[in-house]
Amino acid sequence: MNRLASLFLAFAIVALPAQAKERRPNLLVIVADDLGYSDIGAFGGEIATPNLDRLALAGIRLAGFHTAPTCSPTRSMLLSGTDNHIAGLGTMAELIRPNQKGQPGYEGYLRSDVATLAERLSAGGYRTLFSGKWHLGLTPEQDPHARGFQRSFALLQGGHNHFGTDADPDHGGTATYTEQGRRITKLPADFYSSDYFATRLIDFLAERTGQGSEEPFFAYLAFTAPHWPLQAHPQDIARYKGRYDDGFDALRERRLASQRKLGILAKDVVAHTPRNRDGSWDSLTADQQRTAARNMEIYAAMVDRLDQNVGRVLQTLRASGALDNTIIVFLADNGAEALDVETTGAEMLGRFAKGADNSFANRGAASSYVTYGAGWAQAATAPSWLTKGYQSEGGTRAVAFISGAGIPRRTGADTQFLSVADIAPTLLEFAGLDPSTTRVDGRAVRPITGRSWTAWLRDPKARVYGANDGFGAELFGSRSYRRGSWKLTDIGDGIWRLFDIVRDPGETRDLSLAAPAERQALVEAWEQYKRDVGVVDPDAIPYRP
């Protein structure tokens, strides 16, 4: 039997949480920043992502996985296992409205009365490692090193220059990097975000082989790619030269066809019509098309480089013998980003883009500051409605998979609803720890509300959320509530729309008039959710791509 077949056989046997106590698995969570749903090959994309594809196809692709529609709220749910309003990120810290300031759940950082996954695992005997984007607080007591990660290299803010030119505050640097909670203002001359984040995690993993190697590890690798500004190495960009010259409309159709061929999109699903303020590809001038195609080439290069670095981490684990006992969860933190630095994002991003050299030849360099806009973003979120920032499926249905030790290999993809808040209780059960405990290291903490996937991983017919289980969400005034096959959606315009989300995942047919009783029941359920988690409606919408 060859090695690949042996791995597939190993993956077919799901480890029970009780078994984890005998030889507890290592846990690796990898987060990509603003990655589109269909950007990797295993989900329909054309970008070279062989390492991610192999992992996804050897495990379970989560076609119904959902996050918050932007980064820090998602990260708070990932680490706390509960709603972002409970965790302190009812909105992003940078975008707290005046009427939300000082309100519970709108602290803008991860609250001290929620325990992080790292704190729980560290207390349970795990070695905890972090490298990458934190975005859950800027002060020393909010640093990852203070929230359960024994080893950490962190970018504290939500974004940065990918070549590290903004680290030194004495030269106008605005990005804050810390290692073990201590600020770092000088980065290596060859710094590139995906490379260095992977390198630091590899360093931390290597330390484990020298001492305490009997301890299992929890590693959290949080890339900032492909979040704006779009910046990449020239050699990576060159590999995609000309690949996108036929535009975002053509790319969208190719990816939809690929998703259907791969078995992750049913043939009868209707895709939502894109909403592009600048019109279709053929409405752009030749110069606009040339520039837009280059932006997408840079974006693809960033995703390609991210995958290369995932490969480096996997090779490190393989060489140490740890890979065969490691569970890997990969996810994007939200839907693809549609902001255009020159139009919809001009107000938010103008201060960063000021003085940038965005000439065609320099695009993608450290001195440039570009985004790729709504056309490419909606090619990546198809068949879903809209993009990052909305509680529609395009904002919250994110690419994700689970793979590795004890995880069964399943063809196709599972489309049942899953939440990013489920990851914490799932991994805790695999670690042989009780996710229901409300005391961690002697302090009282909020309960985890996410659902463990372990029963479903044993039995694909099991449901994580039953027909009567509701799930509410809100960010920037965009709201949703789902229960069973129904989903109620408000994209922030104050209008509730009702969808049969199982039959119509593209959210194309509003059934409010056809099913008024169901609509009203979900409106009332959302109002109860609002009271339960303490939603404070913003007095103005701070972000709307």
Protein backbone atom coordinates (compact mmCIF):
# COMPACT_ATOMS: atom_id res chain seq x y z
CA MET A 1 0.00 0.00 0.00
CA ASN A 2 1.49 3.39 -0.97
CA ARG A 3 1.86 6.28 1.48
CA LEU A 4 -1.12 8.24 0.13
CA ALA A 5 -3.41 5.23 0.45
CA SER A 6 -2.13 4.63 3.95
CA LEU A 7 -2.93 8.20 4.90
CA PHE A 8 -6.43 7.94 3.48
CA LEU A 9 -6.98 4.75 5.50
CA ALA A 10 -5.75 6.47 8.64
CA PHE A 11 -8.05 9.42 8.01
CA ALA A 12 -11.04 7.09 7.70
CA ILE A 13 -10.89 6.28 11.42
CA VAL A 14 -12.25 9.14 13.49
CA ALA A 15 -10.62 9.47 16.90
CA LEU A 16 -13.05 9.74 19.79
CA PRO A 17 -12.38 12.40 22.42
CA ALA A 18 -11.82 9.66 25.03
CA GLN A 19 -9.09 8.17 22.86
CA ALA A 20 -7.35 11.53 22.70
CA LYS A 21 -6.26 11.11 26.33
CA GLU A 22 -4.06 8.15 25.37
CA ARG A 23 -2.19 10.00 22.63
CA ARG A 24 -3.66 13.41 22.31
CA PRO A 25 -3.49 14.95 18.84
CA ASN A 26 -1.58 18.04 17.89
CA LEU A 27 -3.85 20.85 16.70
CA LEU A 28 -3.05 23.29 13.89
CA VAL A 29 -5.41 26.11 12.90
CA ILE A 30 -4.51 28.11 9.78
CA VAL A 31 -6.40 31.30 8.91
CA ALA A 32 -6.17 33.15 5.61
CA ASP A 33 -7.19 36.82 5.59
CA ASP A 34 -9.93 37.83 3.10
CA LEU A 35 -9.39 34.70 1.00
CA GLY A 36 -12.32 34.12 -1.37
CA TYR A 37 -14.49 31.01 -1.18
CA SER A 38 -13.32 29.62 -4.54
CA ASP A 39 -9.72 30.87 -4.54
CA ILE A 40 -8.07 27.51 -3.82
CA GLY A 41 -8.16 24.63 -6.28
CA ALA A 42 -10.14 22.26 -4.08
CA PHE A 43 -12.98 24.83 -4.05
CA GLY A 44 -12.92 25.67 -7.75
CA GLY A 45 -10.04 28.07 -8.18
CA GLU A 46 -7.25 28.23 -10.74
CA ILE A 47 -4.56 29.62 -8.40
CA ALA A 48 -1.77 27.13 -7.64
CA THR A 49 -2.53 25.86 -4.12
CA PRO A 50 -1.31 22.24 -4.15
CA ASN A 51 -0.60 22.00 -0.41
CA LEU A 52 -4.02 23.25 0.65
CA ASP A 53 -5.71 21.17 -2.03
CA ARG A 54 -4.07 17.94 -0.85
CA LEU A 55 -5.17 18.62 2.71
CA ALA A 56 -8.72 19.54 1.72
CA LEU A 57 -9.20 16.50 -0.51
CA ALA A 58 -7.79 14.17 2.16
CA GLY A 59 -10.31 15.43 4.70
CA ILE A 60 -13.69 17.17 4.61
CA ARG A 61 -14.43 20.34 2.68
CA LEU A 62 -16.87 22.44 4.68
CA ALA A 63 -19.13 23.99 2.06
CA GLY A 64 -21.54 25.31 4.70
CA PHE A 65 -18.97 26.87 7.03
CA HIS A 66 -19.75 30.40 8.24
CA THR A 67 -17.85 33.20 9.95
CA ALA A 68 -18.59 36.78 10.89
CA PRO A 69 -18.37 39.03 7.82
CA THR A 70 -15.08 40.69 8.90
CA CYS A 71 -11.83 39.70 10.52
CA SER A 72 -11.63 40.55 14.23
CA PRO A 73 -15.21 39.47 15.06
CA THR A 74 -14.46 36.13 13.40
CA ARG A 75 -11.19 35.74 15.32
CA SER A 76 -12.98 36.44 18.59
CA MET A 77 -15.50 33.67 17.80
CA LEU A 78 -12.73 31.29 16.73
CA LEU A 79 -10.80 31.61 19.98
CA SER A 80 -13.70 32.04 22.42
CA GLY A 81 -16.22 29.59 20.96
CA THR A 82 -19.02 32.10 21.41
CA ASP A 83 -20.77 35.05 19.75
CA ASN A 84 -18.59 38.04 18.89
CA HIS A 85 -20.82 40.40 20.90
CA ILE A 86 -20.27 38.26 23.99
CA ALA A 87 -16.53 38.10 23.31
CA GLY A 88 -16.09 41.89 23.10
CA LEU A 89 -15.98 42.37 19.33
CA GLY A 90 -19.58 43.43 18.66
CA THR A 91 -17.91 45.49 15.99
CA MET A 92 -14.33 46.08 14.90
CA ALA A 93 -12.34 48.28 17.29
CA GLU A 94 -11.48 50.69 14.48
CA LEU A 95 -15.15 51.14 13.58
CA ILE A 96 -16.93 51.47 16.93
CA ARG A 97 -19.63 54.13 16.57
CA PRO A 98 -20.09 56.85 19.23
CA ASN A 99 -23.34 55.29 20.47
CA GLN A 100 -21.59 51.92 20.91
CA LYS A 101 -18.59 53.17 22.90
CA GLY A 102 -18.58 51.94 26.47
CA GLN A 103 -21.35 49.42 25.84
CA PRO A 104 -20.83 45.81 26.98
CA GLY A 105 -19.66 43.68 24.09
CA TYR A 106 -18.16 46.67 22.26
CA GLU A 107 -14.84 46.82 24.05
CA GLY A 108 -12.98 46.30 20.76
CA TYR A 109 -10.75 43.61 22.26
CA LEU A 110 -11.17 40.07 23.52
CA ARG A 111 -12.80 40.34 26.93
CA SER A 112 -11.10 38.88 29.99
CA ASP A 113 -14.23 36.97 31.00
CA VAL A 114 -13.97 34.71 27.97
CA ALA A 115 -11.26 32.08 27.88
CA THR A 116 -9.32 31.65 24.68
CA LEU A 117 -8.82 28.25 23.12
CA ALA A 118 -5.12 28.69 23.93
CA GLU A 119 -5.84 29.36 27.60
CA ARG A 120 -8.00 26.27 27.83
CA LEU A 121 -5.51 24.06 26.02
CA SER A 122 -2.53 25.43 27.91
CA ALA A 123 -4.27 24.67 31.20
CA GLY A 124 -4.91 21.18 29.81
CA GLY A 125 -1.26 20.42 29.12
CA TYR A 126 -0.83 21.67 25.54
CA ARG A 127 2.08 23.72 24.25
CA THR A 128 0.50 26.78 22.62
CA LEU A 129 2.09 28.63 19.69
CA PHE A 130 0.97 31.66 17.68
CA SER A 131 2.31 33.47 14.65
CA GLY A 132 0.60 36.11 12.54
CA LYS A 133 -2.27 38.55 12.74
CA TRP A 134 -3.86 38.96 16.17
CA HIS A 135 -6.35 41.87 15.82
CA LEU A 136 -7.92 41.22 19.24
CA GLY A 137 -6.36 44.01 21.29
CA LEU A 138 -3.34 46.32 21.35
CA THR A 139 -2.33 46.52 25.01
CA PRO A 140 0.08 44.18 26.82
CA GLU A 141 -2.73 42.46 28.71
CA GLN A 142 -4.50 41.86 25.38
CA ASP A 143 -1.45 40.45 23.59
CA PRO A 144 -1.57 36.78 22.55
CA HIS A 145 1.24 36.08 25.02
CA ALA A 146 -1.10 37.25 27.79
CA ARG A 147 -4.04 35.24 26.44
CA GLY A 148 -2.65 31.73 26.63
CA PHE A 149 0.00 31.50 23.91
CA GLN A 150 3.29 30.45 25.43
CA ARG A 151 5.21 31.41 22.28
CA SER A 152 4.00 34.18 19.99
CA PHE A 153 4.99 36.49 17.18
CA ALA A 154 2.13 38.86 16.46
CA LEU A 155 0.99 41.70 14.28
CA LEU A 156 -1.47 43.35 16.64
CA GLN A 157 -3.43 45.39 14.09
CA GLY A 158 -5.65 44.17 11.29
CA GLY A 159 -3.38 45.02 8.38
CA HIS A 160 0.12 46.11 7.44
CA ASN A 161 2.65 46.48 4.68
CA HIS A 162 3.42 42.90 3.64
CA PHE A 163 7.10 43.78 3.18
CA GLY A 164 7.33 45.13 6.73
CA THR A 165 8.14 48.75 5.90
CA ASP A 166 5.77 50.12 8.56
CA ALA A 167 7.24 48.54 11.70
CA ASP A 168 9.46 51.36 12.97
CA PRO A 169 7.47 54.09 14.80
CA ASP A 170 10.47 56.45 14.56
CA HIS A 171 10.03 56.43 10.78
CA GLY A 172 6.26 56.70 10.63
CA GLY A 173 5.53 53.02 11.18
CA THR A 174 1.94 52.25 12.18
CA ALA A 175 2.10 48.46 12.53
CA THR A 176 2.77 46.95 15.95
CA TYR A 177 4.67 43.67 16.14
CA THR A 178 5.34 41.78 19.37
CA GLU A 179 7.20 38.64 20.33
CA GLN A 180 6.41 37.19 23.74
CA GLY A 181 4.50 40.41 24.39
CA ARG A 182 7.56 42.63 23.77
CA ARG A 183 7.40 45.17 20.95
CA ILE A 184 9.65 44.69 17.93
CA THR A 185 10.42 47.68 15.71
CA LYS A 186 13.03 46.14 13.42
CA LEU A 187 12.16 43.33 11.03
CA PRO A 188 14.50 41.31 8.80
CA ALA A 189 15.47 43.00 5.53
CA ASP A 190 13.85 40.16 3.57
CA PHE A 191 10.60 40.26 5.58
CA TYR A 192 7.47 39.21 3.70
CA SER A 193 4.39 38.50 5.79
CA SER A 194 3.52 34.96 4.71
CA ASP A 195 7.15 33.88 4.71
CA TYR A 196 8.00 35.30 8.11
CA PHE A 197 4.81 34.22 9.89
CA ALA A 198 5.44 30.65 8.72
CA THR A 199 9.12 30.88 9.66
CA ARG A 200 8.39 31.99 13.21
CA LEU A 201 5.88 29.19 13.69
CA ILE A 202 8.41 26.71 12.33
CA ASP A 203 10.93 28.10 14.82
CA PHE A 204 8.49 27.59 17.69
CA LEU A 205 7.76 24.04 16.54
CA ALA A 206 11.48 23.29 16.40
CA GLU A 207 11.90 24.46 19.99
CA ARG A 208 9.42 21.77 20.98
CA THR A 209 11.66 19.01 19.64
CA GLY A 210 14.39 20.05 22.05
CA GLN A 211 12.37 20.02 25.25
CA GLY A 212 8.94 18.91 26.33
CA SER A 213 8.46 17.00 23.10
CA GLU A 214 6.01 14.67 24.77
CA GLU A 215 3.53 17.54 25.04
CA PRO A 216 1.02 17.91 22.21
CA PHE A 217 0.88 21.36 20.65
CA PHE A 218 -1.79 23.80 19.56
CA ALA A 219 -0.45 26.05 16.81
CA TYR A 220 -2.36 28.99 15.35
CA LEU A 221 -0.96 30.41 12.10
CA ALA A 222 -2.78 33.57 11.03
CA PHE A 223 -1.68 34.90 7.65
CA THR A 224 -2.45 38.45 6.56
CA ALA A 225 -2.50 37.42 2.90
CA PRO A 226 -4.32 38.16 0.70
CA HIS A 227 -5.67 41.18 2.66
CA TRP A 228 -4.95 44.57 1.10
CA PRO A 229 -2.62 46.17 0.27
CA LEU A 230 -2.00 43.74 -2.57
CA GLN A 231 1.77 43.17 -2.50
CA ALA A 232 3.78 40.19 -3.68
CA HIS A 233 7.17 39.08 -4.90
CA PRO A 234 7.75 39.81 -8.63
CA GLN A 235 8.52 36.18 -9.42
CA ASP A 236 5.18 35.09 -7.96
CA ILE A 237 3.28 37.78 -9.87
CA ALA A 238 5.00 36.77 -13.10
CA ARG A 239 3.51 33.27 -12.92
CA TYR A 240 0.04 34.76 -13.40
CA LYS A 241 0.84 37.17 -16.22
CA GLY A 242 -2.08 37.24 -18.69
CA ARG A 243 -4.13 34.73 -16.68
CA TYR A 244 -6.92 37.21 -15.96
CA ASP A 245 -6.99 39.27 -19.13
CA ASP A 246 -10.50 38.08 -20.00
CA GLY A 247 -11.84 39.61 -16.81
CA PHE A 248 -13.84 38.94 -13.67
CA ASP A 249 -17.09 37.97 -15.39
CA ALA A 250 -15.35 35.15 -17.27
CA LEU A 251 -13.48 34.08 -14.12
CA ARG A 252 -16.75 33.89 -12.20
CA GLU A 253 -18.31 31.57 -14.78
CA ARG A 254 -15.23 29.34 -14.86
CA ARG A 255 -15.20 28.99 -11.10
CA LEU A 256 -18.90 28.18 -10.91
CA ALA A 257 -18.41 25.47 -13.53
CA SER A 258 -15.43 24.12 -11.60
CA GLN A 259 -17.38 24.03 -8.32
CA ARG A 260 -20.10 21.99 -10.00
CA LYS A 261 -17.55 19.62 -11.49
CA LEU A 262 -15.87 19.17 -8.11
CA GLY A 263 -19.19 18.29 -6.48
CA ILE A 264 -19.27 21.20 -4.03
CA LEU A 265 -22.06 23.05 -5.85
CA ALA A 266 -25.29 21.40 -6.97
CA LYS A 267 -26.09 21.78 -10.65
CA ASP A 268 -29.49 23.36 -9.95
CA VAL A 269 -28.23 26.13 -7.65
CA VAL A 270 -28.89 29.60 -9.05
CA ALA A 271 -26.02 32.03 -8.57
CA HIS A 272 -26.75 35.53 -7.33
CA THR A 273 -26.28 38.34 -9.83
CA PRO A 274 -23.12 40.35 -9.04
CA ARG A 275 -23.43 43.97 -7.97
CA ASN A 276 -20.62 45.96 -9.55
CA ARG A 277 -20.79 49.73 -9.27
CA ASP A 278 -18.36 50.05 -12.16
CA GLY A 279 -20.33 47.72 -14.41
CA SER A 280 -19.35 44.54 -16.21
CA TRP A 281 -15.89 43.78 -17.53
CA ASP A 282 -16.72 44.86 -21.08
CA SER A 283 -17.85 48.27 -19.83
CA LEU A 284 -14.30 49.07 -18.68
CA THR A 285 -11.79 50.84 -20.91
CA ALA A 286 -8.78 48.92 -22.19
CA ASP A 287 -6.54 50.69 -19.68
CA GLN A 288 -8.92 49.91 -16.81
CA GLN A 289 -9.01 46.25 -17.85
CA ARG A 290 -5.21 46.10 -18.02
CA THR A 291 -4.88 47.56 -14.52
CA ALA A 292 -7.62 45.39 -13.05
CA ALA A 293 -6.06 42.24 -14.52
CA ARG A 294 -2.71 43.16 -12.96
CA ASN A 295 -4.37 43.63 -9.57
CA MET A 296 -5.78 40.11 -9.79
CA GLU A 297 -2.37 38.75 -10.81
CA ILE A 298 -0.90 40.25 -7.63
CA TYR A 299 -3.74 38.83 -5.55
CA ALA A 300 -3.21 35.35 -7.04
CA ALA A 301 0.51 35.62 -6.31
CA MET A 302 -0.27 36.32 -2.65
CA VAL A 303 -2.48 33.24 -2.40
CA ASP A 304 0.16 31.15 -4.18
CA ARG A 305 2.82 32.31 -1.70
CA LEU A 306 0.54 31.56 1.24
CA ASP A 307 0.18 28.00 -0.03
CA GLN A 308 3.94 27.65 -0.44
CA ASN A 309 4.35 28.55 3.21
CA VAL A 310 1.66 26.12 4.32
CA GLY A 311 3.80 23.55 2.53
CA ARG A 312 6.85 24.60 4.54
CA VAL A 313 4.97 24.13 7.82
CA LEU A 314 3.65 20.73 6.73
CA GLN A 315 7.14 19.61 5.72
CA THR A 316 8.44 20.63 9.16
CA LEU A 317 5.75 18.55 10.83
CA ARG A 318 6.39 15.64 8.49
CA ALA A 319 10.14 15.69 9.13
CA SER A 320 9.60 15.71 12.89
CA GLY A 321 7.10 12.84 12.73
CA ALA A 322 4.32 15.05 14.14
CA LEU A 323 2.16 15.36 11.02
CA ASP A 324 0.50 11.95 11.33
CA ASN A 325 -0.85 12.96 14.74
CA THR A 326 -1.97 16.48 13.81
CA ILE A 327 -5.52 17.69 13.15
CA ILE A 328 -5.56 20.65 10.78
CA VAL A 329 -8.36 23.19 10.42
CA PHE A 330 -8.06 25.73 7.62
CA LEU A 331 -10.40 28.67 7.11
CA ALA A 332 -10.73 32.15 5.72
CA ASP A 333 -11.94 34.77 8.17
CA ASN A 334 -14.77 36.12 5.98
CA GLY A 335 -15.87 36.50 2.38
CA ALA A 336 -13.73 38.18 -0.25
CA GLU A 337 -13.00 41.91 0.16
CA ALA A 338 -14.75 44.20 -2.35
CA LEU A 339 -13.42 47.59 -1.22
CA ASP A 340 -11.85 49.64 -4.01
CA VAL A 341 -9.15 51.99 -2.74
CA GLU A 342 -10.09 54.57 -5.37
CA THR A 343 -13.89 54.54 -4.88
CA THR A 344 -15.74 52.65 -2.14
CA GLY A 345 -12.62 52.43 0.02
CA ALA A 346 -11.25 55.91 -0.62
CA GLU A 347 -12.36 57.34 2.73
CA MET A 348 -11.24 54.35 4.80
CA LEU A 349 -7.97 53.66 2.99
CA GLY A 350 -7.00 57.11 1.73
CA ARG A 351 -4.53 57.82 4.53
CA PHE A 352 -2.71 54.55 3.80
CA ALA A 353 -2.69 55.02 0.04
CA LYS A 354 -1.48 58.63 0.20
CA GLY A 355 1.92 58.90 -1.41
CA ALA A 356 1.86 55.35 -2.79
CA ASP A 357 3.36 54.65 -6.19
CA ASN A 358 0.57 52.80 -7.96
CA SER A 359 2.00 53.08 -11.44
CA PHE A 360 1.43 49.95 -13.50
CA ALA A 361 5.05 48.80 -13.31
CA ASN A 362 5.19 49.29 -9.53
CA ARG A 363 1.88 47.68 -8.57
CA GLY A 364 2.49 44.92 -6.03
CA ALA A 365 5.72 46.45 -4.70
CA ALA A 366 6.20 47.56 -1.11
CA SER A 367 5.66 51.19 -2.11
CA SER A 368 2.29 50.51 -3.79
CA TYR A 369 -1.15 50.34 -2.19
CA VAL A 370 -3.87 48.71 -4.27
CA THR A 371 -6.99 46.59 -3.86
CA TYR A 372 -8.82 44.48 -6.44
CA GLY A 373 -12.44 45.57 -6.10
CA ALA A 374 -15.93 44.14 -6.28
CA GLY A 375 -15.69 42.38 -9.64
CA TRP A 376 -12.94 39.98 -8.64
CA ALA A 377 -14.37 39.61 -5.13
CA GLN A 378 -17.74 38.47 -6.46
CA ALA A 379 -16.06 36.01 -8.79
CA ALA A 380 -14.61 34.51 -5.61
CA THR A 381 -17.84 34.48 -3.57
CA ALA A 382 -20.07 33.08 -6.34
CA PRO A 383 -22.72 31.70 -6.20
CA SER A 384 -23.29 33.74 -3.05
CA TRP A 385 -24.72 37.21 -2.59
CA LEU A 386 -22.26 40.08 -2.03
CA THR A 387 -18.96 40.02 -0.16
CA LYS A 388 -17.12 40.82 3.08
CA GLY A 389 -19.02 43.18 5.36
CA TYR A 390 -22.48 41.71 4.78
CA GLN A 391 -24.45 39.02 6.63
CA SER A 392 -25.42 37.60 3.25
CA GLU A 393 -23.77 34.32 2.27
CA GLY A 394 -21.09 36.14 0.30
CA GLY A 395 -19.89 37.83 3.47
CA THR A 396 -20.05 34.88 5.85
CA ARG A 397 -19.71 31.62 3.91
CA ALA A 398 -15.97 31.07 3.94
CA VAL A 399 -13.64 28.48 2.48
CA ALA A 400 -12.78 25.91 5.16
CA PHE A 401 -11.81 22.29 5.67
CA ILE A 402 -10.73 19.90 8.40
CA SER A 403 -8.11 17.27 7.73
CA GLY A 404 -5.43 15.13 9.32
CA ALA A 405 -5.24 12.64 12.18
CA GLY A 406 -8.51 10.83 12.77
CA ILE A 407 -10.47 12.91 10.24
CA PRO A 408 -12.33 10.85 7.62
CA ARG A 409 -11.84 11.49 3.94
CA ARG A 410 -15.17 12.37 2.30
CA THR A 411 -15.70 13.04 -1.36
CA GLY A 412 -17.77 16.01 -2.40
CA ALA A 413 -18.40 18.49 0.37
CA ASP A 414 -20.69 18.79 3.36
CA THR A 415 -23.12 21.70 2.98
CA GLN A 416 -24.72 21.70 6.42
CA PHE A 417 -24.43 24.93 8.40
CA LEU A 418 -21.36 25.15 10.64
CA SER A 419 -20.00 28.11 12.60
CA VAL A 420 -16.50 29.34 13.32
CA ALA A 421 -17.56 29.27 16.99
CA ASP A 422 -17.73 25.46 16.70
CA ILE A 423 -13.98 25.07 16.21
CA ALA A 424 -13.07 25.64 19.87
CA PRO A 425 -15.37 22.99 21.38
CA THR A 426 -14.47 20.54 18.61
CA LEU A 427 -10.74 20.82 19.20
CA LEU A 428 -11.17 20.74 22.97
CA GLU A 429 -13.03 17.44 22.71
CA PHE A 430 -10.29 16.00 20.52
CA ALA A 431 -7.81 17.13 23.16
CA GLY A 432 -9.75 15.23 25.81
CA LEU A 433 -10.86 18.45 27.55
CA ASP A 434 -14.34 19.48 28.60
CA PRO A 435 -15.60 22.44 26.52
CA SER A 436 -18.48 23.03 28.92
CA THR A 437 -16.29 24.09 31.84
CA THR A 438 -16.70 27.68 32.97
CA ARG A 439 -13.57 27.82 35.12
CA VAL A 440 -10.15 28.09 33.52
CA ASP A 441 -6.99 28.54 35.59
CA GLY A 442 -9.12 29.36 38.61
CA ARG A 443 -11.17 32.14 37.01
CA ALA A 444 -14.83 32.13 36.01
CA VAL A 445 -15.40 32.49 32.26
CA ARG A 446 -18.33 32.70 29.89
CA PRO A 447 -19.61 29.38 28.54
CA ILE A 448 -18.79 28.18 25.06
CA THR A 449 -21.91 28.28 22.87
CA GLY A 450 -20.51 26.73 19.69
CA ARG A 451 -21.27 23.09 18.88
CA SER A 452 -18.73 20.28 18.72
CA TRP A 453 -18.40 18.44 15.40
CA THR A 454 -17.13 15.16 16.86
CA ALA A 455 -20.45 13.27 16.51
CA TRP A 456 -20.82 14.46 12.92
CA LEU A 457 -17.24 13.47 12.13
CA ARG A 458 -18.09 9.94 13.27
CA ASP A 459 -21.41 9.88 11.43
CA PRO A 460 -21.94 12.08 8.35
CA LYS A 461 -25.71 11.85 8.82
CA ALA A 462 -25.52 13.53 12.23
CA ARG A 463 -26.53 17.19 12.45
CA VAL A 464 -24.49 19.78 14.33
CA TYR A 465 -27.44 22.19 14.37
CA GLY A 466 -30.90 20.66 14.44
CA ALA A 467 -33.99 21.82 12.57
CA ASN A 468 -35.14 23.90 15.54
CA ASP A 469 -31.78 25.40 16.46
CA GLY A 470 -31.49 29.10 15.67
CA PHE A 471 -28.37 31.09 14.91
CA GLY A 472 -28.30 34.89 14.92
CA ALA A 473 -25.65 37.31 13.72
CA GLU A 474 -25.04 41.05 13.30
CA LEU A 475 -22.29 43.40 12.20
CA PHE A 476 -22.37 47.00 10.96
CA GLY A 477 -26.18 46.91 11.04
CA SER A 478 -26.33 43.93 8.67
CA ARG A 479 -28.27 41.13 10.35
CA SER A 480 -29.27 37.50 9.86
CA TYR A 481 -31.04 34.68 11.61
CA ARG A 482 -31.24 31.09 10.41
CA ARG A 483 -33.20 28.11 11.62
CA GLY A 484 -33.59 24.86 9.77
CA SER A 485 -33.87 25.55 6.05
CA TRP A 486 -34.83 29.21 6.55
CA LYS A 487 -32.56 32.24 6.64
CA LEU A 488 -33.61 35.82 7.31
CA THR A 489 -31.17 38.38 5.89
CA ASP A 490 -30.81 42.16 6.11
CA ILE A 491 -27.77 43.44 4.21
CA GLY A 492 -27.88 46.69 6.16
CA ASP A 493 -30.58 48.48 4.21
CA GLY A 494 -33.18 47.76 6.91
CA ILE A 495 -35.09 45.29 4.74
CA TRP A 496 -35.60 41.73 5.95
CA ARG A 497 -35.54 39.13 3.19
CA LEU A 498 -36.44 35.47 3.68
CA PHE A 499 -34.73 32.62 1.87
CA ASP A 500 -34.96 28.86 1.75
CA ILE A 501 -31.22 28.70 2.21
CA VAL A 502 -30.98 24.95 1.56
CA ARG A 503 -32.58 25.15 -1.87
CA ASP A 504 -31.40 28.69 -2.61
CA PRO A 505 -27.93 29.23 -1.14
CA GLY A 506 -27.44 32.07 -3.61
CA GLU A 507 -30.19 34.02 -1.79
CA THR A 508 -31.90 34.85 -5.08
CA ARG A 509 -35.60 34.37 -4.22
CA ASP A 510 -37.09 36.42 -1.38
CA LEU A 511 -39.97 34.34 0.05
CA SER A 512 -41.25 36.98 2.46
CA LEU A 513 -44.63 37.21 0.71
CA ALA A 514 -44.91 33.46 0.18
CA ALA A 515 -44.11 32.54 3.79
CA PRO A 516 -45.09 35.47 6.06
CA ALA A 517 -45.49 33.30 9.17
CA GLU A 518 -41.95 31.93 8.86
CA ARG A 519 -40.61 35.43 8.25
CA GLN A 520 -42.32 36.82 11.33
CA ALA A 521 -41.15 33.94 13.50
CA LEU A 522 -37.54 34.56 12.49
CA VAL A 523 -37.85 38.32 13.01
CA GLU A 524 -39.04 37.65 16.56
CA ALA A 525 -36.25 35.13 17.10
CA TRP A 526 -33.69 37.67 15.90
CA GLU A 527 -35.03 40.29 18.31
CA GLN A 528 -34.58 37.80 21.14
CA TYR A 529 -31.04 37.08 19.96
CA LYS A 530 -30.39 40.83 19.92
CA ARG A 531 -31.42 41.10 23.55
CA ASP A 532 -29.49 38.00 24.57
CA VAL A 533 -26.12 39.12 23.20
CA GLY A 534 -26.58 42.89 23.62
CA VAL A 535 -26.54 44.13 20.02
CA VAL A 536 -26.30 47.94 19.87
CA ASP A 537 -27.46 49.18 16.48
CA PRO A 538 -24.84 51.55 15.00
CA ASP A 539 -25.96 55.17 14.58
CA ALA A 540 -24.34 55.13 11.14
CA ILE A 541 -22.91 52.42 8.89
CA PRO A 542 -19.11 52.58 9.16
CA TYR A 543 -18.24 50.05 6.45
CA ARG A 544 -20.14 49.17 3.32
CA PRO A 545 -18.17 48.02 0.28
